[in-house]
Protein backbone atom coordinates (compact mmCIF):
# COMPACT_ATOMS: atom_id res chain seq x y z
CA MET A 1 142.65 24.12 -110.34
CA THR A 2 145.24 26.21 -111.26
CA ASP A 3 148.68 26.73 -108.60
CA LYS A 4 148.76 30.37 -110.15
CA PRO A 5 147.73 32.27 -107.44
CA LEU A 6 149.95 29.92 -104.90
CA ILE A 7 153.24 30.31 -106.90
CA ASP A 8 152.72 34.11 -106.72
CA ALA A 9 152.17 34.33 -102.84
CA VAL A 10 155.58 32.22 -102.91
CA VAL A 11 157.17 34.17 -105.38
CA ALA A 12 156.22 37.52 -103.54
CA THR A 13 156.83 36.27 -99.68
CA LEU A 14 160.26 34.52 -100.95
CA LYS A 15 161.28 38.39 -102.48
CA ALA A 16 159.83 39.90 -99.52
CA ALA A 17 161.92 37.87 -97.30
CA PRO A 18 165.77 39.71 -96.15
CA ALA A 19 167.53 36.86 -95.84
CA VAL A 20 166.45 35.14 -98.87
CA THR A 21 167.08 38.22 -100.68
CA ALA A 22 170.42 38.94 -98.94
CA LEU A 23 171.58 35.93 -100.94
CA ALA A 24 169.86 35.78 -104.21
CA GLY A 25 168.63 39.50 -104.37
CA GLN A 26 165.16 39.57 -106.52
CA ARG A 27 166.63 36.70 -108.56
CA ILE A 28 163.45 34.92 -107.49
CA HIS A 29 161.26 33.46 -110.33
CA ALA A 30 157.89 32.04 -110.97
CA THR A 31 159.50 30.37 -114.18
CA SER A 32 162.68 29.54 -115.51
CA PRO A 33 164.31 32.63 -116.99
CA ARG A 34 166.08 31.94 -120.71
CA LEU A 35 169.59 33.06 -119.34
CA PRO A 36 169.45 32.70 -115.22
CA THR A 37 171.75 34.94 -113.11
CA TYR A 38 173.00 33.04 -110.07
CA PRO A 39 172.23 32.82 -107.56
CA CYS A 40 168.60 32.55 -108.12
CA VAL A 41 165.25 30.82 -106.71
CA VAL A 42 162.74 29.10 -109.32
CA VAL A 43 159.89 27.63 -108.85
CA THR A 44 160.36 24.53 -111.41
CA ARG A 45 157.43 22.03 -110.87
CA SER A 46 153.91 22.08 -109.51
CA GLU A 47 151.40 19.78 -108.76
CA GLY A 48 148.12 20.38 -107.69
CA ARG A 49 144.91 17.40 -106.64
CA PRO A 50 141.69 17.88 -105.32
CA LEU A 51 141.20 16.65 -101.21
CA PRO A 52 138.79 13.58 -101.19
CA GLU A 53 136.69 16.27 -98.89
CA GLY A 54 135.24 19.24 -99.84
CA ASP A 55 136.98 21.98 -102.09
CA GLY A 56 140.38 21.67 -100.80
CA ILE A 57 143.21 21.14 -103.11
CA GLU A 58 146.40 19.66 -102.35
CA HIS A 59 149.82 21.49 -103.49
CA VAL A 60 153.16 20.86 -103.89
CA LEU A 61 155.56 22.96 -105.42
CA THR A 62 159.51 22.43 -105.87
CA LEU A 63 161.26 25.19 -105.98
CA THR A 64 165.60 25.00 -107.31
CA CYS A 65 167.90 27.38 -105.77
CA ALA A 66 171.04 27.46 -108.01
CA SER A 67 174.78 28.39 -107.38
CA ARG A 68 178.05 28.84 -109.00
CA PHE A 69 179.88 29.78 -105.73
CA GLY A 70 182.15 27.45 -106.24
CA GLY A 71 180.89 24.64 -103.60
CA PRO A 72 178.23 24.18 -101.88
CA GLU A 73 178.43 26.74 -99.06
CA GLU A 74 176.00 29.28 -100.91
CA ALA A 75 173.24 26.85 -102.03
CA ARG A 76 172.93 25.34 -98.29
CA ALA A 77 172.38 29.00 -96.76
CA LEU A 78 169.76 29.43 -99.88
CA VAL A 79 168.04 26.49 -98.97
CA ALA A 80 167.96 27.47 -95.38
CA ALA A 81 166.52 30.54 -95.85
CA VAL A 82 163.71 29.85 -98.00
CA ARG A 83 162.78 26.92 -95.61
CA ALA A 84 162.71 29.25 -92.89
CA ALA A 85 160.96 31.73 -94.88
CA LEU A 86 158.17 29.42 -96.35
CA HIS A 87 157.65 26.64 -93.80
CA ASP A 88 154.17 27.95 -92.11
CA ALA A 89 153.90 31.17 -94.00
CA LYS A 90 150.23 32.85 -93.96
CA PRO A 91 150.58 34.81 -97.60
CA SER A 92 147.14 36.00 -98.80
CA LEU A 93 146.13 34.16 -101.70
CA SER A 94 143.39 35.75 -104.94
CA GLY A 95 140.67 33.83 -105.55
CA ARG A 96 141.47 31.01 -102.78
CA ARG A 97 142.29 30.53 -98.76
CA LEU A 98 145.58 29.08 -97.19
CA VAL A 99 145.12 26.40 -94.88
CA THR A 100 148.64 25.55 -94.45
CA LEU A 101 151.49 25.52 -96.31
CA ARG A 102 154.80 23.23 -95.09
CA VAL A 103 158.09 22.62 -96.22
CA PRO A 104 158.40 19.06 -95.57
CA TYR A 105 162.09 18.66 -97.82
CA ALA A 106 165.09 20.18 -98.34
CA ASP A 107 168.03 18.76 -100.33
CA CYS A 108 171.35 19.85 -101.97
CA PHE A 109 173.11 18.59 -104.42
CA ALA A 110 176.26 18.75 -107.72
CA GLY A 111 174.36 19.87 -110.28
CA ALA A 112 175.42 17.48 -113.67
CA ASP A 113 177.88 20.11 -115.11
CA ARG A 114 179.91 20.09 -112.05
CA GLU A 115 179.70 24.02 -111.59
CA THR A 116 176.40 24.61 -110.21
CA THR A 117 175.04 23.09 -107.05
CA LEU A 118 171.39 23.18 -106.82
CA GLY A 119 169.13 22.90 -103.78
CA ILE A 120 165.83 21.26 -104.25
CA VAL A 121 162.60 22.85 -101.53
CA ARG A 122 159.37 21.21 -101.45
CA VAL A 123 156.58 22.90 -100.32
CA ARG A 124 153.28 21.65 -99.43
CA ALA A 125 149.85 23.83 -99.23
CA VAL A 126 146.23 23.28 -98.75
CA THR A 127 144.11 25.69 -99.79
CA GLU A 128 140.42 25.52 -100.49
CA LEU A 129 137.42 28.45 -101.55
CA PRO A 130 136.72 31.36 -99.40
């Protein structure tokens, strides 16, 4: 049970979304870069668990939007763009069929370094075998 096909599809969807790339460019990463350039979006956590019936898997991805703009405006705009691009999106996956993709949660807050504003976007998806 791997989340990689879903993560790859989410990253590709965001890289194709004009509102997201207007803010983050192509700085949308499936894993944390060693030296990030801001603003950026990174898939920072993925969870997957089988559903009680059938061959379905519930996936929960956490995307972190990071900005060093000097205030929350850029991070809030990036979170809104990511949320709009992903909620009810229908990207194709390799090896699985996407049943649903939703964004049930988003938040923005100051980072511990007081220079970075972070946004969290939680993505819930259900996939099944084709």
